[in-house]
């Protein structure tokens, strides 16, 4: 006439199917939690990058050579500190062309 509707093998197969469905649901939840964690870490990284940029800009403004206050310091040379090692004459010839422009002759 037919099989029994509730046998041990039927119950075993049904429990296996329910277990697989439960694991599938857990994994779906795991994916959602992992995506939330990634989004949180990305937000934290963006905040840290913005903070780093602000601190870098502050340091650059503080160390800008154009904004540095300079004071003139006069240093007088002493006769004993001057040593002449070479005296030479340099000649660089130039000539005029027909239009009166000066050009190098070398």
PDB file of N, CA and C in Angstrom:
ATOM      1  N   UNK A   1       0.808  -1.166   0.000  1.00  0.00           N
ATOM      2  CA  UNK A   1       0.000   0.000   0.000  1.00  0.00           C
ATOM      3  C   UNK A   1       0.867   1.252   0.000  1.00  0.00           C
ATOM      4  N   UNK A   2       1.905   1.298   0.535  1.00  0.00           N
ATOM      5  CA  UNK A   2       2.731   2.493   0.558  1.00  0.00           C
ATOM      6  C   UNK A   2       3.615   2.494   1.777  1.00  0.00           C
ATOM      7  N   UNK A   3       4.423   3.431   1.825  1.00  0.00           N
ATOM      8  CA  UNK A   3       5.347   3.530   2.943  1.00  0.00           C
ATOM      9  C   UNK A   3       4.676   4.189   4.110  1.00  0.00           C
ATOM     10  N   UNK A   4       5.345   4.009   5.220  1.00  0.00           N
ATOM     11  CA  UNK A   4       4.890   4.728   6.403  1.00  0.00           C
ATOM     12  C   UNK A   4       5.310   6.181   6.256  1.00  0.00           C
ATOM     13  N   UNK A   5       4.489   7.058   6.722  1.00  0.00           N
ATOM     14  CA  UNK A   5       4.793   8.482   6.612  1.00  0.00           C
ATOM     15  C   UNK A   5       5.870   8.890   7.608  1.00  0.00           C
ATOM     16  N   UNK A   6       5.909   8.253   8.747  1.00  0.00           N
ATOM     17  CA  UNK A   6       6.864   8.647   9.778  1.00  0.00           C
ATOM     18  C   UNK A   6       7.762   7.468  10.127  1.00  0.00           C
ATOM     19  N   UNK A   7       8.846   7.316   9.399  1.00  0.00           N
ATOM     20  CA  UNK A   7       9.807   6.280   9.746  1.00  0.00           C
ATOM     21  C   UNK A   7      11.058   6.942  10.285  1.00  0.00           C
ATOM     22  N   UNK A   8      11.977   6.187  10.810  1.00  0.00           N
ATOM     23  CA  UNK A   8      13.219   6.717  11.382  1.00  0.00           C
ATOM     24  C   UNK A   8      14.054   7.400  10.307  1.00  0.00           C
ATOM     25  N   UNK A   9      14.087   6.832   9.116  1.00  0.00           N
ATOM     26  CA  UNK A   9      14.886   7.438   8.048  1.00  0.00           C
ATOM     27  C   UNK A   9      14.257   8.754   7.580  1.00  0.00           C
ATOM     28  N   UNK A  10      12.946   8.821   7.552  1.00  0.00           N
ATOM     29  CA  UNK A  10      12.270  10.047   7.147  1.00  0.00           C
ATOM     30  C   UNK A  10      12.538  11.153   8.173  1.00  0.00           C
ATOM     31  N   UNK A  11      12.467  10.796   9.439  1.00  0.00           N
ATOM     32  CA  UNK A  11      12.741  11.777  10.500  1.00  0.00           C
ATOM     33  C   UNK A  11      14.192  12.226  10.440  1.00  0.00           C
ATOM     34  N   UNK A  12      15.117  11.320  10.176  1.00  0.00           N
ATOM     35  CA  UNK A  12      16.540  11.657  10.056  1.00  0.00           C
ATOM     36  C   UNK A  12      16.808  12.619   8.904  1.00  0.00           C
ATOM     37  N   UNK A  13      16.178  12.351   7.779  1.00  0.00           N
ATOM     38  CA  UNK A  13      16.354  13.239   6.628  1.00  0.00           C
ATOM     39  C   UNK A  13      15.761  14.624   6.891  1.00  0.00           C
ATOM     40  N   UNK A  14      14.647  14.665   7.551  1.00  0.00           N
ATOM     41  CA  UNK A  14      14.007  15.954   7.859  1.00  0.00           C
ATOM     42  C   UNK A  14      14.861  16.752   8.833  1.00  0.00           C
ATOM     43  N   UNK A  15      15.435  16.086   9.828  1.00  0.00           N
ATOM     44  CA  UNK A  15      16.280  16.818  10.779  1.00  0.00           C
ATOM     45  C   UNK A  15      17.555  17.315  10.106  1.00  0.00           C
ATOM     46  N   UNK A  16      18.103  16.540   9.181  1.00  0.00           N
ATOM     47  CA  UNK A  16      19.289  16.984   8.434  1.00  0.00           C
ATOM     48  C   UNK A  16      18.947  18.215   7.593  1.00  0.00           C
ATOM     49  N   UNK A  17      17.806  18.198   6.945  1.00  0.00           N
ATOM     50  CA  UNK A  17      17.390  19.339   6.123  1.00  0.00           C
ATOM     51  C   UNK A  17      17.176  20.575   6.993  1.00  0.00           C
ATOM     52  N   UNK A  18      16.562  20.400   8.167  1.00  0.00           N
ATOM     53  CA  UNK A  18      16.368  21.533   9.075  1.00  0.00           C
ATOM     54  C   UNK A  18      17.702  22.076   9.577  1.00  0.00           C
ATOM     55  N   UNK A  19      18.639  21.196   9.845  1.00  0.00           N
ATOM     56  CA  UNK A  19      19.974  21.632  10.284  1.00  0.00           C
ATOM     57  C   UNK A  19      20.671  22.449   9.205  1.00  0.00           C
ATOM     58  N   UNK A  20      20.569  21.986   7.984  1.00  0.00           N
ATOM     59  CA  UNK A  20      21.185  22.729   6.871  1.00  0.00           C
ATOM     60  C   UNK A  20      20.528  24.096   6.691  1.00  0.00           C
ATOM     61  N   UNK A  21      19.223  24.157   6.814  1.00  0.00           N
ATOM     62  CA  UNK A  21      18.517  25.431   6.686  1.00  0.00           C
ATOM     63  C   UNK A  21      18.919  26.370   7.819  1.00  0.00           C
ATOM     64  N   UNK A  22      19.078  25.844   9.022  1.00  0.00           N
ATOM     65  CA  UNK A  22      19.508  26.665  10.158  1.00  0.00           C
ATOM     66  C   UNK A  22      20.908  27.225   9.955  1.00  0.00           C
ATOM     67  N   UNK A  23      21.819  26.387   9.461  1.00  0.00           N
ATOM     68  CA  UNK A  23      23.187  26.856   9.192  1.00  0.00           C
ATOM     69  C   UNK A  23      23.192  27.918   8.097  1.00  0.00           C
ATOM     70  N   UNK A  24      22.346  27.736   7.101  1.00  0.00           N
ATOM     71  CA  UNK A  24      22.238  28.722   6.028  1.00  0.00           C
ATOM     72  C   UNK A  24      21.764  30.064   6.579  1.00  0.00           C
ATOM     73  N   UNK A  25      20.804  30.040   7.476  1.00  0.00           N
ATOM     74  CA  UNK A  25      20.303  31.276   8.097  1.00  0.00           C
ATOM     75  C   UNK A  25      21.391  31.930   8.943  1.00  0.00           C
ATOM     76  N   UNK A  26      22.159  31.110   9.670  1.00  0.00           N
ATOM     77  CA  UNK A  26      23.252  31.663  10.494  1.00  0.00           C
ATOM     78  C   UNK A  26      24.298  32.332   9.614  1.00  0.00           C
ATOM     79  N   UNK A  27      24.623  31.680   8.485  1.00  0.00           N
ATOM     80  CA  UNK A  27      25.623  32.248   7.593  1.00  0.00           C
ATOM     81  C   UNK A  27      25.138  33.546   6.970  1.00  0.00           C
ATOM     82  N   UNK A  28      23.863  33.636   6.691  1.00  0.00           N
ATOM     83  CA  UNK A  28      23.301  34.884   6.171  1.00  0.00           C
ATOM     84  C   UNK A  28      23.464  35.995   7.206  1.00  0.00           C
ATOM     85  N   UNK A  29      23.217  35.665   8.471  1.00  0.00           N
ATOM     86  CA  UNK A  29      23.414  36.641   9.546  1.00  0.00           C
ATOM     87  C   UNK A  29      24.877  37.009   9.699  1.00  0.00           C
ATOM     88  N   UNK A  30      25.767  36.015   9.523  1.00  0.00           N
ATOM     89  CA  UNK A  30      27.206  36.285   9.612  1.00  0.00           C
ATOM     90  C   UNK A  30      27.642  37.274   8.538  1.00  0.00           C
ATOM     91  N   UNK A  31      27.125  37.141   7.348  1.00  0.00           N
ATOM     92  CA  UNK A  31      27.471  38.048   6.250  1.00  0.00           C
ATOM     93  C   UNK A  31      27.019  39.464   6.580  1.00  0.00           C
ATOM     94  N   UNK A  32      25.813  39.589   7.112  1.00  0.00           N
ATOM     95  CA  UNK A  32      25.316  40.920   7.473  1.00  0.00           C
ATOM     96  C   UNK A  32      26.168  41.561   8.560  1.00  0.00           C
ATOM     97  N   UNK A  33      26.528  40.756   9.581  1.00  0.00           N
ATOM     98  CA  UNK A  33      27.376  41.295  10.658  1.00  0.00           C
ATOM     99  C   UNK A  33      28.760  41.662  10.121  1.00  0.00           C
ATOM    100  N   UNK A  34      29.299  40.849   9.224  1.00  0.00           N
ATOM    101  CA  UNK A  34      30.615  41.144   8.644  1.00  0.00           C
ATOM    102  C   UNK A  34      30.562  42.435   7.829  1.00  0.00           C
ATOM    103  N   UNK A  35      29.487  42.654   7.094  1.00  0.00           N
ATOM    104  CA  UNK A  35      29.360  43.888   6.313  1.00  0.00           C
ATOM    105  C   UNK A  35      29.250  45.098   7.232  1.00  0.00           C
ATOM    106  N   UNK A  36      28.523  44.957   8.345  1.00  0.00           N
ATOM    107  CA  UNK A  36      28.433  46.055   9.311  1.00  0.00           C
ATOM    108  C   UNK A  36      29.794  46.348   9.925  1.00  0.00           C
ATOM    109  N   UNK A  37      30.569  45.284  10.226  1.00  0.00           N
ATOM    110  CA  UNK A  37      31.902  45.466  10.801  1.00  0.00           C
ATOM    111  C   UNK A  37      32.819  46.178   9.812  1.00  0.00           C
ATOM    112  N   UNK A  38      32.765  45.786   8.552  1.00  0.00           N
ATOM    113  CA  UNK A  38      33.596  46.429   7.521  1.00  0.00           C
ATOM    114  C   UNK A  38      33.221  47.903   7.394  1.00  0.00           C
ATOM    115  N   UNK A  39      31.934  48.202   7.415  1.00  0.00           N
ATOM    116  CA  UNK A  39      31.492  49.596   7.307  1.00  0.00           C
ATOM    117  C   UNK A  39      31.987  50.407   8.508  1.00  0.00           C
ATOM    118  N   UNK A  40      31.945  49.833   9.699  1.00  0.00           N
ATOM    119  CA  UNK A  40      32.427  50.532  10.899  1.00  0.00           C
ATOM    120  C   UNK A  40      33.926  50.782  10.811  1.00  0.00           C
ATOM    121  N   UNK A  41      34.684  49.771  10.382  1.00  0.00           N
ATOM    122  CA  UNK A  41      36.133  49.953  10.235  1.00  0.00           C
ATOM    123  C   UNK A  41      36.460  50.993   9.168  1.00  0.00           C
ATOM    124  N   UNK A  42      35.694  51.030   8.097  1.00  0.00           N
ATOM    125  CA  UNK A  42      35.919  52.029   7.047  1.00  0.00           C
ATOM    126  C   UNK A  42      35.653  53.433   7.581  1.00  0.00           C
ATOM    127  N   UNK A  43      34.600  53.585   8.397  1.00  0.00           N
ATOM    128  CA  UNK A  43      34.286  54.878   8.991  1.00  0.00           C
ATOM    129  C   UNK A  43      35.411  55.318   9.920  1.00  0.00           C
ATOM    130  N   UNK A  44      35.937  54.377  10.731  1.00  0.00           N
ATOM    131  CA  UNK A  44      37.038  54.703  11.632  1.00  0.00           C
ATOM    132  C   UNK A  44      38.285  55.097  10.844  1.00  0.00           C
ATOM    133  N   UNK A  45      38.552  54.388   9.753  1.00  0.00           N
ATOM    134  CA  UNK A  45      39.707  54.711   8.911  1.00  0.00           C
ATOM    135  C   UNK A  45      39.569  56.102   8.302  1.00  0.00           C
ATOM    136  N   UNK A  46      38.377  56.448   7.842  1.00  0.00           N
ATOM    137  CA  UNK A  46      38.139  57.781   7.279  1.00  0.00           C
ATOM    138  C   UNK A  46      38.354  58.865   8.327  1.00  0.00           C
ATOM    139  N   UNK A  47      37.887  58.618   9.570  1.00  0.00           N
ATOM    140  CA  UNK A  47      38.094  59.586  10.649  1.00  0.00           C
ATOM    141  C   UNK A  47      39.581  59.752  10.957  1.00  0.00           C
ATOM    142  N   UNK A  48      40.321  58.637  11.007  1.00  0.00           N
ATOM    143  CA  UNK A  48      41.755  58.709  11.285  1.00  0.00           C
ATOM    144  C   UNK A  48      42.502  59.435  10.165  1.00  0.00           C
ATOM    145  N   UNK A  49      42.115  59.192   8.916  1.00  0.00           N
ATOM    146  CA  UNK A  49      42.754  59.886   7.796  1.00  0.00           C
ATOM    147  C   UNK A  49      42.487  61.389   7.860  1.00  0.00           C
ATOM    148  N   UNK A  50      41.269  61.774   8.220  1.00  0.00           N
ATOM    149  CA  UNK A  50      40.945  63.202   8.338  1.00  0.00           C
ATOM    150  C   UNK A  50      41.742  63.836   9.476  1.00  0.00           C
ATOM    151  N   UNK A  51      41.848  63.137  10.599  1.00  0.00           N
ATOM    152  CA  UNK A  51      42.627  63.656  11.731  1.00  0.00           C
ATOM    153  C   UNK A  51      44.099  63.778  11.358  1.00  0.00           C
ATOM    154  N   UNK A  52      44.634  62.774  10.657  1.00  0.00           N
ATOM    155  CA  UNK A  52      46.026  62.815  10.221  1.00  0.00           C
ATOM    156  C   UNK A  52      46.265  63.994   9.283  1.00  0.00           C
ATOM    157  N   UNK A  53      45.342  64.239   8.365  1.00  0.00           N
ATOM    158  CA  UNK A  53      45.486  65.352   7.423  1.00  0.00           C
ATOM    159  C   UNK A  53      45.472  66.689   8.156  1.00  0.00           C
ATOM    160  N   UNK A  54      44.584  66.831   9.145  1.00  0.00           N
ATOM    161  CA  UNK A  54      44.531  68.075   9.925  1.00  0.00           C
ATOM    162  C   UNK A  54      45.842  68.309  10.661  1.00  0.00           C
ATOM    163  N   UNK A  55      46.378  67.263  11.295  1.00  0.00           N
ATOM    164  CA  UNK A  55      47.636  67.404  12.034  1.00  0.00           C
ATOM    165  C   UNK A  55      48.794  67.689  11.090  1.00  0.00           C
ATOM    166  N   UNK A  56      48.789  67.071   9.915  1.00  0.00           N
ATOM    167  CA  UNK A  56      49.843  67.322   8.928  1.00  0.00           C
ATOM    168  C   UNK A  56      49.800  68.769   8.447  1.00  0.00           C
ATOM    169  N   UNK A  57      48.602  69.276   8.171  1.00  0.00           N
ATOM    170  CA  UNK A  57      48.467  70.663   7.732  1.00  0.00           C
ATOM    171  C   UNK A  57      48.920  71.627   8.821  1.00  0.00           C
ATOM    172  N   UNK A  58      48.603  71.326  10.082  1.00  0.00           N
ATOM    173  CA  UNK A  58      49.035  72.184  11.188  1.00  0.00           C
ATOM    174  C   UNK A  58      50.554  72.203  11.297  1.00  0.00           C
ATOM    175  N   UNK A  59      51.185  71.041  11.150  1.00  0.00           N
ATOM    176  CA  UNK A  59      52.649  70.983  11.219  1.00  0.00           C
ATOM    177  C   UNK A  59      53.292  71.710  10.041  1.00  0.00           C
ATOM    178  N   UNK A  60      52.720  71.555   8.851  1.00  0.00           N
ATOM    179  CA  UNK A  60      53.267  72.236   7.682  1.00  0.00           C
ATOM    180  C   UNK A  60      53.167  73.756   7.843  1.00  0.00           C
ATOM    181  N   UNK A  61      52.044  74.227   8.383  1.00  0.00           N
ATOM    182  CA  UNK A  61      51.893  75.670   8.596  1.00  0.00           C
ATOM    183  C   UNK A  61      52.867  76.171   9.653  1.00  0.00           C
ATOM    184  N   UNK A  62      53.100  75.365  10.653  1.00  0.00           N
ATOM    185  CA  UNK A  62      54.020  75.747  11.731  1.00  0.00           C
ATOM    186  C   UNK A  62      55.465  75.786  11.232  1.00  0.00           C
ATOM    187  N   UNK A  63      55.805  74.906  10.302  1.00  0.00           N
ATOM    188  CA  UNK A  63      57.185  74.794   9.836  1.00  0.00           C
ATOM    189  C   UNK A  63      57.396  75.458   8.475  1.00  0.00           C
ATOM    190  N   UNK A  64      56.486  76.302   8.027  1.00  0.00           N
ATOM    191  CA  UNK A  64      56.588  76.959   6.730  1.00  0.00           C
ATOM    192  C   UNK A  64      57.738  77.964   6.746  1.00  0.00           C
ATOM    193  N   UNK A  65      58.734  77.819   5.873  1.00  0.00           N
ATOM    194  CA  UNK A  65      59.865  78.748   5.877  1.00  0.00           C
ATOM    195  C   UNK A  65      59.463  80.173   5.496  1.00  0.00           C
ATOM    196  N   UNK A  66      58.388  80.337   4.748  1.00  0.00           N
ATOM    197  CA  UNK A  66      57.964  81.683   4.354  1.00  0.00           C
ATOM    198  C   UNK A  66      57.436  82.468   5.552  1.00  0.00           C
ATOM    199  N   UNK A  67      56.919  81.781   6.556  1.00  0.00           N
ATOM    200  CA  UNK A  67      56.381  82.480   7.718  1.00  0.00           C
ATOM    201  C   UNK A  67      57.404  82.596   8.855  1.00  0.00           C
ATOM    202  N   UNK A  68      58.590  82.115   8.634  1.00  0.00           N
ATOM    203  CA  UNK A  68      59.635  82.165   9.657  1.00  0.00           C
ATOM    204  C   UNK A  68      60.149  83.602   9.795  1.00  0.00           C
ATOM    205  N   UNK A  69      60.275  84.056  11.026  1.00  0.00           N
ATOM    206  CA  UNK A  69      60.798  85.407  11.293  1.00  0.00           C
ATOM    207  C   UNK A  69      62.326  85.357  11.222  1.00  0.00           C
ATOM    208  N   UNK A  70      62.886  86.167  10.358  1.00  0.00           N
ATOM    209  CA  UNK A  70      64.336  86.188  10.174  1.00  0.00           C
ATOM    210  C   UNK A  70      64.918  87.449  10.808  1.00  0.00           C
ATOM    211  N   UNK A  71      66.078  87.288  11.413  1.00  0.00           N
ATOM    212  CA  UNK A  71      66.777  88.423  12.007  1.00  0.00           C
ATOM    213  C   UNK A  71      68.132  88.560  11.319  1.00  0.00           C
ATOM    214  N   UNK A  72      68.474  89.755  10.883  1.00  0.00           N
ATOM    215  CA  UNK A  72      69.788  89.924  10.248  1.00  0.00           C
ATOM    216  C   UNK A  72      70.906  89.829  11.297  1.00  0.00           C
ATOM    217  N   UNK A  73      71.960  89.147  10.937  1.00  0.00           N
ATOM    218  CA  UNK A  73      73.121  88.997  11.808  1.00  0.00           C
ATOM    219  C   UNK A  73      74.338  89.440  11.003  1.00  0.00           C
ATOM    220  N   UNK A  74      75.044  90.420  11.506  1.00  0.00           N
ATOM    221  CA  UNK A  74      76.239  90.925  10.824  1.00  0.00           C
ATOM    222  C   UNK A  74      77.467  90.233  11.416  1.00  0.00           C
ATOM    223  N   UNK A  75      78.251  89.619  10.551  1.00  0.00           N
ATOM    224  CA  UNK A  75      79.482  88.965  10.977  1.00  0.00           C
ATOM    225  C   UNK A  75      80.633  89.684  10.293  1.00  0.00           C
ATOM    226  N   UNK A  76      81.463  90.290  11.074  1.00  0.00           N
ATOM    227  CA  UNK A  76      82.596  91.035  10.543  1.00  0.00           C
ATOM    228  C   UNK A  76      83.784  90.089  10.358  1.00  0.00           C
ATOM    229  N   UNK A  77      84.394  90.159   9.182  1.00  0.00           N
ATOM    230  CA  UNK A  77      85.555  89.319   8.906  1.00  0.00           C
ATOM    231  C   UNK A  77      86.790  89.926   9.544  1.00  0.00           C
ATOM    232  N   UNK A  78      87.633  89.073  10.068  1.00  0.00           N
ATOM    233  CA  UNK A  78      88.908  89.522  10.638  1.00  0.00           C
ATOM    234  C   UNK A  78      89.990  89.350   9.582  1.00  0.00           C
ATOM    235  N   UNK A  79      90.964  90.190   9.638  1.00  0.00           N
ATOM    236  CA  UNK A  79      92.047  90.134   8.675  1.00  0.00           C
ATOM    237  C   UNK A  79      92.771  88.790   8.768  1.00  0.00           C
ATOM    238  N   UNK A  80      92.875  88.231   9.941  1.00  0.00           N
ATOM    239  CA  UNK A  80      93.571  86.967  10.133  1.00  0.00           C
ATOM    240  C   UNK A  80      92.789  85.790   9.545  1.00  0.00           C
ATOM    241  N   UNK A  81      91.483  85.964   9.363  1.00  0.00           N
ATOM    242  CA  UNK A  81      90.658  84.876   8.850  1.00  0.00           C
ATOM    243  C   UNK A  81      90.559  84.859   7.325  1.00  0.00           C
ATOM    244  N   UNK A  82      91.138  85.827   6.636  1.00  0.00           N
ATOM    245  CA  UNK A  82      91.054  85.908   5.182  1.00  0.00           C
ATOM    246  C   UNK A  82      92.311  85.308   4.585  1.00  0.00           C
ATOM    247  N   UNK A  83      92.142  84.319   3.706  1.00  0.00           N
ATOM    248  CA  UNK A  83      93.271  83.667   3.046  1.00  0.00           C
ATOM    249  C   UNK A  83      92.971  83.675   1.547  1.00  0.00           C
ATOM    250  N   UNK A  84      93.832  84.286   0.757  1.00  0.00           N
ATOM    251  CA  UNK A  84      93.680  84.327  -0.694  1.00  0.00           C
ATOM    252  C   UNK A  84      94.466  83.154  -1.256  1.00  0.00           C
ATOM    253  N   UNK A  85      93.754  82.263  -1.950  1.00  0.00           N
ATOM    254  CA  UNK A  85      94.418  81.087  -2.512  1.00  0.00           C
ATOM    255  C   UNK A  85      94.678  81.231  -4.008  1.00  0.00           C
ATOM    256  N   UNK A  86      93.855  82.011  -4.698  1.00  0.00           N
ATOM    257  CA  UNK A  86      94.003  82.112  -6.140  1.00  0.00           C
ATOM    258  C   UNK A  86      93.529  83.479  -6.603  1.00  0.00           C
ATOM    259  N   UNK A  87      94.318  84.079  -7.474  1.00  0.00           N
ATOM    260  CA  UNK A  87      93.918  85.317  -8.134  1.00  0.00           C
ATOM    261  C   UNK A  87      93.981  85.021  -9.623  1.00  0.00           C
ATOM    262  N   UNK A  88      92.895  85.302 -10.345  1.00  0.00           N
ATOM    263  CA  UNK A  88      92.879  84.988 -11.766  1.00  0.00           C
ATOM    264  C   UNK A  88      92.098  86.059 -12.515  1.00  0.00           C
ATOM    265  N   UNK A  89      92.320  86.079 -13.830  1.00  0.00           N
ATOM    266  CA  UNK A  89      91.621  86.999 -14.715  1.00  0.00           C
ATOM    267  C   UNK A  89      90.802  86.162 -15.690  1.00  0.00           C
ATOM    268  N   UNK A  90      89.551  86.500 -15.816  1.00  0.00           N
ATOM    269  CA  UNK A  90      88.666  85.771 -16.712  1.00  0.00           C
ATOM    270  C   UNK A  90      88.180  86.747 -17.770  1.00  0.00           C
ATOM    271  N   UNK A  91      88.240  86.295 -19.020  1.00  0.00           N
ATOM    272  CA  UNK A  91      87.787  87.135 -20.113  1.00  0.00           C
ATOM    273  C   UNK A  91      86.782  86.328 -20.915  1.00  0.00           C
ATOM    274  N   UNK A  92      85.593  86.882 -21.101  1.00  0.00           N
ATOM    275  CA  UNK A  92      84.560  86.254 -21.912  1.00  0.00           C
ATOM    276  C   UNK A  92      84.238  87.224 -23.037  1.00  0.00           C
ATOM    277  N   UNK A  93      84.734  86.966 -24.266  1.00  0.00           N
ATOM    278  CA  UNK A  93      84.537  87.913 -25.365  1.00  0.00           C
ATOM    279  C   UNK A  93      83.108  87.907 -25.897  1.00  0.00           C
ATOM    280  N   UNK A  94      82.611  89.093 -26.198  1.00  0.00           N
ATOM    281  CA  UNK A  94      81.318  89.299 -26.832  1.00  0.00           C
ATOM    282  C   UNK A  94      81.547  90.158 -28.072  1.00  0.00           C
ATOM    283  N   UNK A  95      80.655  90.073 -29.035  1.00  0.00           N
ATOM    284  CA  UNK A  95      80.766  90.915 -30.216  1.00  0.00           C
ATOM    285  C   UNK A  95      79.373  91.379 -30.620  1.00  0.00           C
ATOM    286  N   UNK A  96      79.317  92.461 -31.380  1.00  0.00           N
ATOM    287  CA  UNK A  96      78.047  93.012 -31.874  1.00  0.00           C
ATOM    288  C   UNK A  96      77.793  92.486 -33.265  1.00  0.00           C
ATOM    289  N   UNK A  97      76.549  92.123 -33.549  1.00  0.00           N
ATOM    290  CA  UNK A  97      76.212  91.700 -34.904  1.00  0.00           C
ATOM    291  C   UNK A  97      75.721  92.918 -35.698  1.00  0.00           C
ATOM    292  N   UNK A  98      75.218  92.702 -36.896  1.00  0.00           N
ATOM    293  CA  UNK A  98      74.829  93.798 -37.786  1.00  0.00           C
ATOM    294  C   UNK A  98      73.648  94.606 -37.239  1.00  0.00           C
ATOM    295  N   UNK A  99      72.785  94.021 -36.456  1.00  0.00           N
ATOM    296  CA  UNK A  99      71.646  94.734 -35.895  1.00  0.00           C
ATOM    297  C   UNK A  99      71.998  95.406 -34.565  1.00  0.00           C
ATOM    298  N   UNK A 100      73.189  95.238 -34.073  1.00  0.00           N
ATOM    299  CA  UNK A 100      73.605  95.865 -32.842  1.00  0.00           C
ATOM    300  C   UNK A 100      73.371  94.999 -31.598  1.00  0.00           C
ATOM    301  N   UNK A 101      72.980  93.783 -31.807  1.00  0.00           N
ATOM    302  CA  UNK A 101      72.791  92.879 -30.658  1.00  0.00           C
ATOM    303  C   UNK A 101      74.134  92.316 -30.228  1.00  0.00           C
ATOM    304  N   UNK A 102      74.279  92.134 -28.949  1.00  0.00           N
ATOM    305  CA  UNK A 102      75.533  91.582 -28.430  1.00  0.00           C
ATOM    306  C   UNK A 102      75.348  90.075 -28.280  1.00  0.00           C
ATOM    307  N   UNK A 103      76.349  89.329 -28.792  1.00  0.00           N
ATOM    308  CA  UNK A 103      76.293  87.871 -28.682  1.00  0.00           C
ATOM    309  C   UNK A 103      77.659  87.355 -28.229  1.00  0.00           C
ATOM    310  N   UNK A 104      77.687  86.203 -27.560  1.00  0.00           N
ATOM    311  CA  UNK A 104      78.960  85.651 -27.112  1.00  0.00           C
ATOM    312  C   UNK A 104      79.833  85.265 -28.304  1.00  0.00           C
ATOM    313  N   UNK A 105      81.120  85.420 -28.155  1.00  0.00           N
ATOM    314  CA  UNK A 105      82.042  85.139 -29.249  1.00  0.00           C
ATOM    315  C   UNK A 105      82.733  83.786 -29.048  1.00  0.00           C
ATOM    316  N   UNK A 106      82.261  82.960 -28.215  1.00  0.00           N
ATOM    317  CA  UNK A 106      82.906  81.649 -28.039  1.00  0.00           C
ATOM    318  C   UNK A 106      82.093  80.538 -28.597  1.00  0.00           C
TER     319      UNK A 106
END
